[in-house]
Amino acid sequence: MTRGRAQDPNVCGVTAAIAVVDGKWKSGLIWLMESGPRRPGELRRELPGLSEKVLTQALREMEADGLVRREVHDVRPLKTTYSLTEDGQELAELLDTLSDWGRRRLARLTGLQPAS
């Protein structure tokens, strides 16, 4: 899906929403930042396999989409933190609901009880 669809007023709302969280790492990043501001190194440690390059790209896209706020603290060495904006927090709540649905669906497909 192209990034332009995230801001195209002529697409379906679901398509615009999915364009914002499209990719392997964004939903996980949102989930981690839901509990509060995080430094990039923390995010990489908590998502094994996420490279620094891909993390930087995802955070820049999420910032451009208004989901995260980047704050540079004036200390030496420089300290940068990322946190969810109001839109990001709202999306996190919606993703929680979608996650619950996904767990229930997987449980039905596998015949197992959903994890709590």
C-alpha atoms as a PDB file:
ATOM      1  CA  MET A   1       0.000   0.000   0.000  1.00  0.00           C
ATOM      2  CA  THR A   2       1.364   3.403  -0.820  1.00  0.00           C
ATOM      3  CA  ARG A   3       2.090   5.985   1.852  1.00  0.00           C
ATOM      4  CA  GLY A   4       0.064   8.579  -0.056  1.00  0.00           C
ATOM      5  CA  ARG A   5      -3.162   6.775   0.784  1.00  0.00           C
ATOM      6  CA  ALA A   6      -2.750   7.714   4.437  1.00  0.00           C
ATOM      7  CA  GLN A   7      -3.588  11.320   3.535  1.00  0.00           C
ATOM      8  CA  ASP A   8      -5.712  10.908   0.402  1.00  0.00           C
ATOM      9  CA  PRO A   9      -9.231  12.245   1.110  1.00  0.00           C
ATOM     10  CA  ASN A  10     -10.614  10.197  -1.796  1.00  0.00           C
ATOM     11  CA  VAL A  11      -9.966   6.746  -0.315  1.00  0.00           C
ATOM     12  CA  CYS A  12     -12.042   4.658   2.039  1.00  0.00           C
ATOM     13  CA  GLY A  13     -11.465   5.463   5.726  1.00  0.00           C
ATOM     14  CA  VAL A  14     -10.337   1.898   6.433  1.00  0.00           C
ATOM     15  CA  THR A  15      -7.769   2.132   3.638  1.00  0.00           C
ATOM     16  CA  ALA A  16      -6.468   5.433   5.040  1.00  0.00           C
ATOM     17  CA  ALA A  17      -6.218   3.938   8.536  1.00  0.00           C
ATOM     18  CA  ILE A  18      -4.431   0.801   7.360  1.00  0.00           C
ATOM     19  CA  ALA A  19      -1.972   2.901   5.341  1.00  0.00           C
ATOM     20  CA  VAL A  20      -0.908   4.576   8.594  1.00  0.00           C
ATOM     21  CA  VAL A  21      -0.094   1.290  10.362  1.00  0.00           C
ATOM     22  CA  ASP A  22       1.039  -0.618   7.279  1.00  0.00           C
ATOM     23  CA  GLY A  23       4.272  -2.500   7.750  1.00  0.00           C
ATOM     24  CA  LYS A  24       5.765  -5.092  10.030  1.00  0.00           C
ATOM     25  CA  TRP A  25       6.772  -2.878  12.952  1.00  0.00           C
ATOM     26  CA  LYS A  26       4.380   0.051  13.395  1.00  0.00           C
ATOM     27  CA  SER A  27       1.702  -1.730  15.410  1.00  0.00           C
ATOM     28  CA  GLY A  28       4.390  -3.080  17.760  1.00  0.00           C
ATOM     29  CA  LEU A  29       5.923   0.363  18.137  1.00  0.00           C
ATOM     30  CA  ILE A  30       2.526   1.845  18.962  1.00  0.00           C
ATOM     31  CA  TRP A  31       1.923  -0.921  21.485  1.00  0.00           C
ATOM     32  CA  LEU A  32       5.253  -0.217  23.217  1.00  0.00           C
ATOM     33  CA  MET A  33       4.744   3.556  23.318  1.00  0.00           C
ATOM     34  CA  GLU A  34       1.248   3.146  24.711  1.00  0.00           C
ATOM     35  CA  SER A  35       2.801   2.806  28.175  1.00  0.00           C
ATOM     36  CA  GLY A  36       4.797   6.028  27.828  1.00  0.00           C
ATOM     37  CA  PRO A  37       7.686   7.754  26.050  1.00  0.00           C
ATOM     38  CA  ARG A  38      10.476   5.539  24.780  1.00  0.00           C
ATOM     39  CA  ARG A  39      13.995   6.064  23.536  1.00  0.00           C
ATOM     40  CA  PRO A  40      14.896   4.541  20.162  1.00  0.00           C
ATOM     41  CA  GLY A  41      17.337   2.091  21.765  1.00  0.00           C
ATOM     42  CA  GLU A  42      14.611   0.813  24.083  1.00  0.00           C
ATOM     43  CA  LEU A  43      12.292   0.251  21.139  1.00  0.00           C
ATOM     44  CA  ARG A  44      14.957  -1.718  19.247  1.00  0.00           C
ATOM     45  CA  ARG A  45      15.731  -3.910  22.261  1.00  0.00           C
ATOM     46  CA  GLU A  46      12.075  -4.735  22.778  1.00  0.00           C
ATOM     47  CA  LEU A  47      11.465  -5.629  19.115  1.00  0.00           C
ATOM     48  CA  PRO A  48      14.189  -8.127  18.162  1.00  0.00           C
ATOM     49  CA  GLY A  49      14.965  -8.077  14.462  1.00  0.00           C
ATOM     50  CA  LEU A  50      14.110  -4.399  14.033  1.00  0.00           C
ATOM     51  CA  SER A  51      17.092  -2.635  12.463  1.00  0.00           C
ATOM     52  CA  GLU A  52      18.071   0.921  13.296  1.00  0.00           C
ATOM     53  CA  LYS A  53      17.394   1.993   9.704  1.00  0.00           C
ATOM     54  CA  VAL A  54      13.883   0.536   9.634  1.00  0.00           C
ATOM     55  CA  LEU A  55      13.122   1.921  13.112  1.00  0.00           C
ATOM     56  CA  THR A  56      14.187   5.405  12.013  1.00  0.00           C
ATOM     57  CA  GLN A  57      12.075   5.167   8.862  1.00  0.00           C
ATOM     58  CA  ALA A  58       9.003   3.921  10.742  1.00  0.00           C
ATOM     59  CA  LEU A  59       9.294   6.613  13.417  1.00  0.00           C
ATOM     60  CA  ARG A  60       9.680   9.345  10.777  1.00  0.00           C
ATOM     61  CA  GLU A  61       6.598   8.101   8.927  1.00  0.00           C
ATOM     62  CA  MET A  62       4.616   7.866  12.159  1.00  0.00           C
ATOM     63  CA  GLU A  63       5.699  11.396  13.098  1.00  0.00           C
ATOM     64  CA  ALA A  64       4.677  12.672   9.646  1.00  0.00           C
ATOM     65  CA  ASP A  65       1.299  10.954  10.088  1.00  0.00           C
ATOM     66  CA  GLY A  66       0.809  12.655  13.456  1.00  0.00           C
ATOM     67  CA  LEU A  67       0.949   9.461  15.521  1.00  0.00           C
ATOM     68  CA  VAL A  68       4.143  10.109  17.472  1.00  0.00           C
ATOM     69  CA  ARG A  69       5.897  13.121  18.896  1.00  0.00           C
ATOM     70  CA  ARG A  70       9.699  13.350  18.795  1.00  0.00           C
ATOM     71  CA  GLU A  71      11.303  15.228  21.644  1.00  0.00           C
ATOM     72  CA  VAL A  72      14.997  16.042  21.807  1.00  0.00           C
ATOM     73  CA  HIS A  73      16.194  16.781  25.345  1.00  0.00           C
ATOM     74  CA  ASP A  74      18.978  19.333  25.711  1.00  0.00           C
ATOM     75  CA  VAL A  75      21.452  17.174  27.601  1.00  0.00           C
ATOM     76  CA  ARG A  76      24.823  15.729  26.643  1.00  0.00           C
ATOM     77  CA  PRO A  77      24.771  13.305  25.007  1.00  0.00           C
ATOM     78  CA  LEU A  78      21.524  14.276  23.279  1.00  0.00           C
ATOM     79  CA  LYS A  79      18.555  12.251  24.423  1.00  0.00           C
ATOM     80  CA  THR A  80      15.631  11.690  22.058  1.00  0.00           C
ATOM     81  CA  THR A  81      12.307  10.229  23.123  1.00  0.00           C
ATOM     82  CA  TYR A  82       9.195   9.313  21.178  1.00  0.00           C
ATOM     83  CA  SER A  83       5.677   9.294  22.560  1.00  0.00           C
ATOM     84  CA  LEU A  84       2.197   8.876  21.178  1.00  0.00           C
ATOM     85  CA  THR A  85       0.206  11.941  20.243  1.00  0.00           C
ATOM     86  CA  GLU A  86      -3.524  12.122  20.936  1.00  0.00           C
ATOM     87  CA  ASP A  87      -4.155  10.553  17.510  1.00  0.00           C
ATOM     88  CA  GLY A  88      -1.592   7.853  18.251  1.00  0.00           C
ATOM     89  CA  GLN A  89      -3.216   7.082  21.596  1.00  0.00           C
ATOM     90  CA  GLU A  90      -6.637   6.854  19.950  1.00  0.00           C
ATOM     91  CA  LEU A  91      -5.219   4.496  17.321  1.00  0.00           C
ATOM     92  CA  ALA A  92      -3.614   2.378  20.067  1.00  0.00           C
ATOM     93  CA  GLU A  93      -7.018   1.910  21.679  1.00  0.00           C
ATOM     94  CA  LEU A  94      -8.509   0.882  18.342  1.00  0.00           C
ATOM     95  CA  LEU A  95      -5.654  -1.548  17.726  1.00  0.00           C
ATOM     96  CA  ASP A  96      -6.337  -3.129  21.142  1.00  0.00           C
ATOM     97  CA  THR A  97      -9.877  -3.862  19.987  1.00  0.00           C
ATOM     98  CA  LEU A  98      -8.603  -5.227  16.672  1.00  0.00           C
ATOM     99  CA  SER A  99      -6.083  -7.377  18.549  1.00  0.00           C
ATOM    100  CA  ASP A 100      -8.855  -8.854  20.708  1.00  0.00           C
ATOM    101  CA  TRP A 101     -10.821  -9.710  17.569  1.00  0.00           C
ATOM    102  CA  GLY A 102      -7.731 -11.309  16.017  1.00  0.00           C
ATOM    103  CA  ARG A 103      -7.115 -13.477  19.096  1.00  0.00           C
ATOM    104  CA  ARG A 104     -10.749 -14.640  19.129  1.00  0.00           C
ATOM    105  CA  ARG A 105     -10.579 -15.438  15.431  1.00  0.00           C
ATOM    106  CA  LEU A 106      -7.363 -17.430  15.809  1.00  0.00           C
ATOM    107  CA  ALA A 107      -8.865 -19.310  18.738  1.00  0.00           C
ATOM    108  CA  ARG A 108     -11.872 -20.267  16.600  1.00  0.00           C
ATOM    109  CA  LEU A 109      -9.633 -21.368  13.747  1.00  0.00           C
ATOM    110  CA  THR A 110      -7.380 -23.464  15.963  1.00  0.00           C
ATOM    111  CA  GLY A 111     -10.054 -24.666  18.379  1.00  0.00           C
ATOM    112  CA  LEU A 112      -8.137 -23.236  21.338  1.00  0.00           C
ATOM    113  CA  GLN A 113      -9.279 -20.839  24.033  1.00  0.00           C
ATOM    114  CA  PRO A 114      -8.195 -17.219  23.431  1.00  0.00           C
ATOM    115  CA  ALA A 115      -5.364 -15.941  25.605  1.00  0.00           C
ATOM    116  CA  SER A 116      -6.331 -13.237  28.071  1.00  0.00           C
END
